[in-house]
N, C-alpha and C. Protein backbone atom coordinates (compact mmCIF):
# COMPACT_ATOMS: atom_id res chain seq x y z
N MET A 1 0.95 -1.15 0.08
CA MET A 1 0.02 -0.06 0.13
C MET A 1 0.84 1.18 -0.03
N PRO A 2 0.62 2.28 -0.85
CA PRO A 2 1.78 3.49 -0.85
C PRO A 2 1.05 4.32 0.51
N PRO A 3 2.20 4.88 0.89
CA PRO A 3 2.02 5.82 1.78
C PRO A 3 1.24 7.04 1.44
N ASP A 4 0.08 7.27 2.10
CA ASP A 4 -0.51 8.67 1.87
C ASP A 4 -1.19 9.12 3.32
N SER A 5 -1.38 10.79 3.23
CA SER A 5 -2.40 10.78 4.71
C SER A 5 -3.67 9.89 5.16
N ALA A 6 -4.33 9.78 4.12
CA ALA A 6 -5.76 9.16 4.64
C ALA A 6 -5.35 7.92 5.40
N ALA A 7 -4.38 6.97 4.45
CA ALA A 7 -3.89 5.53 5.53
C ALA A 7 -3.04 6.18 6.52
N ASP A 8 -2.55 6.91 6.66
CA ASP A 8 -1.64 7.37 7.59
C ASP A 8 -2.85 7.87 9.19
N GLU A 9 -3.66 8.57 8.89
CA GLU A 9 -4.82 8.83 9.60
C GLU A 9 -5.62 7.71 10.17
N ALA A 10 -5.77 6.19 9.35
CA ALA A 10 -6.16 5.54 9.96
C ALA A 10 -5.42 4.76 10.68
N LEU A 11 -4.11 4.85 11.31
CA LEU A 11 -3.41 4.42 11.80
C LEU A 11 -3.80 4.72 13.45
N ARG A 12 -3.93 3.78 14.42
CA ARG A 12 -4.51 4.34 15.69
C ARG A 12 -3.78 3.29 16.61
N HIS A 13 -3.38 3.67 17.99
CA HIS A 13 -2.68 3.19 18.93
C HIS A 13 -3.66 3.19 19.97
N GLU A 14 -4.26 2.30 20.71
CA GLU A 14 -5.32 1.88 21.49
C GLU A 14 -5.01 1.27 22.11
N PRO A 15 -4.56 1.95 23.61
CA PRO A 15 -3.86 1.48 24.65
C PRO A 15 -4.79 0.74 25.70
N ALA A 16 -6.04 1.18 25.69
CA ALA A 16 -7.42 0.89 26.84
C ALA A 16 -7.18 -0.85 26.34
N THR A 17 -7.16 -1.37 24.90
CA THR A 17 -7.52 -2.26 24.49
C THR A 17 -6.29 -3.23 24.12
N HIS A 18 -5.02 -2.39 24.39
CA HIS A 18 -3.92 -3.20 24.06
C HIS A 18 -3.56 -3.30 22.83
N ARG A 19 -3.96 -2.53 21.62
CA ARG A 19 -3.69 -3.00 20.09
C ARG A 19 -3.43 -2.08 19.59
N PHE A 20 -2.81 -1.74 18.26
CA PHE A 20 -2.73 -1.32 17.29
C PHE A 20 -3.75 -1.65 16.13
N THR A 21 -4.57 -0.27 15.63
CA THR A 21 -5.20 -0.90 14.83
C THR A 21 -5.14 -0.21 13.15
N LEU A 22 -5.22 -0.82 11.94
CA LEU A 22 -5.27 0.28 10.56
C LEU A 22 -6.72 -0.08 10.30
N SER A 23 -7.70 0.94 10.04
CA SER A 23 -8.76 1.13 9.17
C SER A 23 -8.29 1.07 7.77
N PHE A 24 -8.71 0.07 7.10
CA PHE A 24 -8.56 0.74 5.63
C PHE A 24 -9.75 0.34 4.92
N GLU A 25 -10.36 0.69 4.10
CA GLU A 25 -11.47 0.03 3.12
C GLU A 25 -12.57 -0.18 3.64
N GLY A 26 -12.70 -0.30 5.16
CA GLY A 26 -13.88 -0.43 5.61
C GLY A 26 -13.55 -1.73 6.52
N ALA A 27 -12.81 -1.91 6.62
CA ALA A 27 -12.09 -3.06 7.37
C ALA A 27 -10.97 -2.78 8.36
N LEU A 28 -11.07 -3.48 9.66
CA LEU A 28 -9.70 -3.57 10.40
C LEU A 28 -8.20 -4.63 10.61
N ALA A 29 -7.63 -3.95 10.68
CA ALA A 29 -6.36 -4.63 10.92
C ALA A 29 -5.77 -4.40 12.24
N VAL A 30 -5.51 -5.62 12.91
CA VAL A 30 -5.21 -5.50 14.32
C VAL A 30 -3.94 -5.81 14.56
N LEU A 31 -3.04 -5.36 15.06
CA LEU A 31 -1.81 -6.12 15.90
C LEU A 31 -2.08 -5.81 17.48
N ASP A 32 -2.18 -7.11 18.06
CA ASP A 32 -2.57 -7.19 19.69
C ASP A 32 -0.88 -7.22 20.54
N TYR A 33 -1.25 -6.40 21.57
CA TYR A 33 0.24 -6.81 22.42
C TYR A 33 -0.22 -6.74 23.77
N ARG A 34 0.78 -7.12 24.72
CA ARG A 34 0.72 -7.57 25.91
C ARG A 34 1.73 -6.41 26.58
N VAL A 35 1.60 -5.71 27.82
CA VAL A 35 2.41 -5.00 28.86
C VAL A 35 3.20 -6.19 29.71
N VAL A 36 4.16 -6.32 29.57
CA VAL A 36 4.71 -7.23 30.02
C VAL A 36 5.28 -6.53 31.73
N ASP A 37 6.00 -5.31 31.81
CA ASP A 37 6.36 -4.36 32.57
C ASP A 37 6.51 -2.87 32.10
N ALA A 38 6.88 -2.04 32.88
CA ALA A 38 7.14 -0.70 32.61
C ALA A 38 7.60 -0.25 31.24
N THR A 39 8.35 -1.40 30.76
CA THR A 39 9.65 -0.85 29.72
C THR A 39 9.56 -2.08 28.74
N THR A 40 8.74 -2.82 28.90
CA THR A 40 8.62 -4.01 27.89
C THR A 40 7.20 -4.30 27.47
N VAL A 41 7.25 -4.57 26.09
CA VAL A 41 5.84 -5.02 25.58
C VAL A 41 6.24 -6.58 24.55
N GLU A 42 4.81 -7.08 24.60
CA GLU A 42 5.12 -8.25 23.88
C GLU A 42 4.10 -8.40 22.54
N TYR A 43 4.86 -8.06 21.41
CA TYR A 43 3.55 -8.04 20.26
C TYR A 43 3.22 -9.26 19.71
N HIS A 44 2.02 -9.94 20.48
CA HIS A 44 1.84 -11.55 19.96
C HIS A 44 0.79 -11.63 18.94
N HIS A 45 0.29 -10.93 18.53
CA HIS A 45 -0.69 -10.93 17.45
C HIS A 45 -1.15 -10.30 16.32
N THR A 46 -1.01 -10.37 14.91
CA THR A 46 -1.38 -9.85 13.98
C THR A 46 -2.83 -10.24 13.05
N TYR A 47 -3.62 -9.76 13.03
CA TYR A 47 -4.79 -10.07 12.25
C TYR A 47 -4.81 -8.86 10.96
N VAL A 48 -5.12 -9.47 9.81
CA VAL A 48 -5.47 -8.62 8.95
C VAL A 48 -6.90 -9.39 7.88
N PRO A 49 -7.76 -8.89 7.65
CA PRO A 49 -8.75 -9.43 7.04
C PRO A 49 -8.26 -9.63 5.58
N ARG A 50 -9.33 -11.01 5.45
CA ARG A 50 -8.84 -11.63 3.90
C ARG A 50 -8.65 -10.96 2.65
N GLU A 51 -9.44 -9.89 3.12
CA GLU A 51 -9.72 -8.73 1.62
C GLU A 51 -8.79 -8.02 1.80
N LEU A 52 -8.16 -7.97 2.33
CA LEU A 52 -7.02 -7.09 2.55
C LEU A 52 -5.61 -7.45 2.73
N ARG A 53 -5.56 -8.63 2.59
CA ARG A 53 -3.93 -9.77 2.58
C ARG A 53 -3.54 -9.35 1.47
N GLY A 54 -2.31 -8.95 1.39
CA GLY A 54 -1.59 -9.38 0.24
C GLY A 54 -0.99 -8.08 -0.38
N ARG A 55 -1.49 -6.83 0.57
CA ARG A 55 -1.42 -5.58 0.00
C ARG A 55 -0.55 -4.40 1.12
N GLY A 56 0.10 -5.04 2.03
CA GLY A 56 1.15 -4.50 2.60
C GLY A 56 0.95 -3.73 4.07
N ILE A 57 -0.69 -4.56 4.17
CA ILE A 57 -1.18 -3.60 5.32
C ILE A 57 -0.51 -4.09 6.76
N ALA A 58 -0.17 -5.79 7.00
CA ALA A 58 0.36 -6.36 8.11
C ALA A 58 1.83 -5.37 8.08
N SER A 59 2.03 -4.94 7.13
CA SER A 59 4.11 -4.60 7.45
C SER A 59 3.67 -2.91 7.74
N ARG A 60 2.79 -2.42 7.24
CA ARG A 60 2.60 -0.50 7.52
C ARG A 60 1.89 -0.74 9.38
N LEU A 61 1.45 -1.67 9.46
CA LEU A 61 0.77 -1.81 10.92
C LEU A 61 2.19 -2.64 12.00
N VAL A 62 2.66 -3.33 11.50
CA VAL A 62 3.61 -3.44 12.51
C VAL A 62 4.72 -2.30 12.29
N ALA A 63 5.07 -1.49 11.40
CA ALA A 63 6.20 -0.92 11.30
C ALA A 63 5.77 0.62 12.45
N TYR A 64 4.26 0.67 12.27
CA TYR A 64 3.71 1.83 13.18
C TYR A 64 4.35 1.26 14.81
N ALA A 65 3.92 -0.05 15.32
CA ALA A 65 3.47 -0.20 16.30
C ALA A 65 4.93 -0.12 16.73
N LEU A 66 6.05 -0.55 16.12
CA LEU A 66 7.57 -0.78 16.01
C LEU A 66 8.33 0.83 16.55
N ARG A 67 7.88 1.97 15.50
CA ARG A 67 8.03 3.03 15.62
C ARG A 67 7.68 3.48 17.11
N HIS A 68 6.40 3.14 17.30
CA HIS A 68 5.58 3.37 19.02
C HIS A 68 6.57 3.13 19.78
N ALA A 69 7.17 1.65 19.80
CA ALA A 69 8.04 1.11 20.92
C ALA A 69 9.07 1.92 20.68
N LEU A 70 9.88 2.45 20.03
CA LEU A 70 11.35 3.16 19.57
C LEU A 70 11.05 4.47 20.31
N ASP A 71 9.82 5.29 20.02
CA ASP A 71 9.73 6.77 20.20
C ASP A 71 9.47 6.46 21.61
N ASN A 72 8.82 5.75 22.54
CA ASN A 72 8.67 5.12 23.50
C ASN A 72 9.68 4.78 24.78
N ARG A 73 11.02 3.88 24.02
CA ARG A 73 12.08 3.53 24.40
C ARG A 73 11.53 2.61 25.38
N LEU A 74 10.30 1.69 24.52
CA LEU A 74 9.90 0.24 25.06
C LEU A 74 10.89 -0.87 24.20
N LYS A 75 11.29 -2.03 24.92
CA LYS A 75 11.61 -3.25 24.66
C LYS A 75 10.74 -4.19 23.97
N VAL A 76 10.15 -4.57 22.54
CA VAL A 76 9.41 -5.74 22.36
C VAL A 76 9.84 -7.20 22.50
N ILE A 77 9.06 -7.77 23.01
CA ILE A 77 9.05 -9.05 22.74
C ILE A 77 8.57 -9.33 21.47
N ALA A 78 9.12 -10.18 20.62
CA ALA A 78 8.10 -10.71 19.44
C ALA A 78 7.39 -11.66 19.11
N THR A 79 6.66 -12.31 19.75
CA THR A 79 6.13 -13.82 19.62
C THR A 79 5.15 -14.16 18.50
N CYS A 80 4.77 -12.67 18.05
CA CYS A 80 4.01 -13.01 16.53
C CYS A 80 5.18 -13.38 15.59
N PRO A 81 5.13 -14.26 14.85
CA PRO A 81 5.76 -14.50 13.93
C PRO A 81 5.64 -13.71 12.63
N PHE A 82 4.71 -13.12 12.55
CA PHE A 82 4.84 -11.91 11.57
C PHE A 82 5.81 -10.77 12.01
N VAL A 83 5.34 -10.24 13.27
CA VAL A 83 6.49 -9.32 13.81
C VAL A 83 7.75 -9.63 13.55
N ALA A 84 7.85 -10.98 13.84
CA ALA A 84 9.46 -11.38 14.03
C ALA A 84 10.16 -11.36 12.44
N ALA A 85 9.28 -12.27 11.57
CA ALA A 85 9.98 -11.86 10.31
C ALA A 85 10.02 -10.49 9.62
N PHE A 86 9.11 -9.36 10.06
CA PHE A 86 9.20 -8.18 9.68
C PHE A 86 10.63 -7.70 10.67
N ILE A 87 10.55 -8.26 11.28
CA ILE A 87 12.30 -7.41 12.28
C ILE A 87 13.38 -8.03 11.47
N ARG A 88 13.36 -8.90 11.38
CA ARG A 88 14.26 -10.08 10.57
C ARG A 88 14.70 -9.08 9.12
N LYS A 89 13.40 -8.75 8.29
CA LYS A 89 13.75 -8.46 7.01
C LYS A 89 14.05 -6.75 7.14
N ASN A 90 13.69 -5.81 8.30
CA ASN A 90 13.95 -4.75 8.58
C ASN A 90 15.10 -4.94 9.58
N PRO A 91 16.27 -5.14 9.73
CA PRO A 91 17.03 -4.92 10.88
C PRO A 91 17.28 -3.61 11.40
N ASP A 92 16.77 -2.28 10.97
CA ASP A 92 16.91 -1.15 11.71
C ASP A 92 16.18 -0.98 12.67
N TYR A 93 15.04 -1.96 13.05
CA TYR A 93 14.47 -2.08 14.02
C TYR A 93 14.61 -3.20 15.23
N ALA A 94 15.68 -4.00 14.95
CA ALA A 94 16.47 -4.81 15.63
C ALA A 94 16.89 -4.39 17.03
N ALA A 95 17.01 -2.93 17.00
CA ALA A 95 17.32 -2.38 18.13
C ALA A 95 16.36 -2.32 19.26
N VAL A 96 14.82 -2.71 18.81
CA VAL A 96 13.86 -2.69 19.50
C VAL A 96 13.33 -3.63 20.62
N LEU A 97 14.26 -5.00 19.83
CA LEU A 97 13.98 -6.25 20.66
C LEU A 97 14.58 -6.39 22.02
N SER A 98 13.88 -7.10 22.74
CA SER A 98 14.41 -7.56 24.29
C SER A 98 15.31 -8.52 24.18
N ARG A 99 16.61 -8.30 24.93
CA ARG A 99 17.21 -9.45 24.58
C ARG A 99 17.29 -10.70 26.19
């Protein structure tokens, strides 16, 4: 999905429900997380509706969530296979991983 301001506006962090969302074409993609402690979060599940798959939606959502962690000096435990693979393919985000 090409970057544009409309798609950026659809990205949300919802701390009350421990998730990041991306609303696109009337559908909702979600990355769920768990707060481990004051400095660590676990990104454990990414879901993209079938009609949006293969369009880069999950990658955009994960990049947003990882930028949030970096900006807030949080460490991430990537138990979601998609998040772990995204970080392997984008090593600039490796610094966010909890060791």
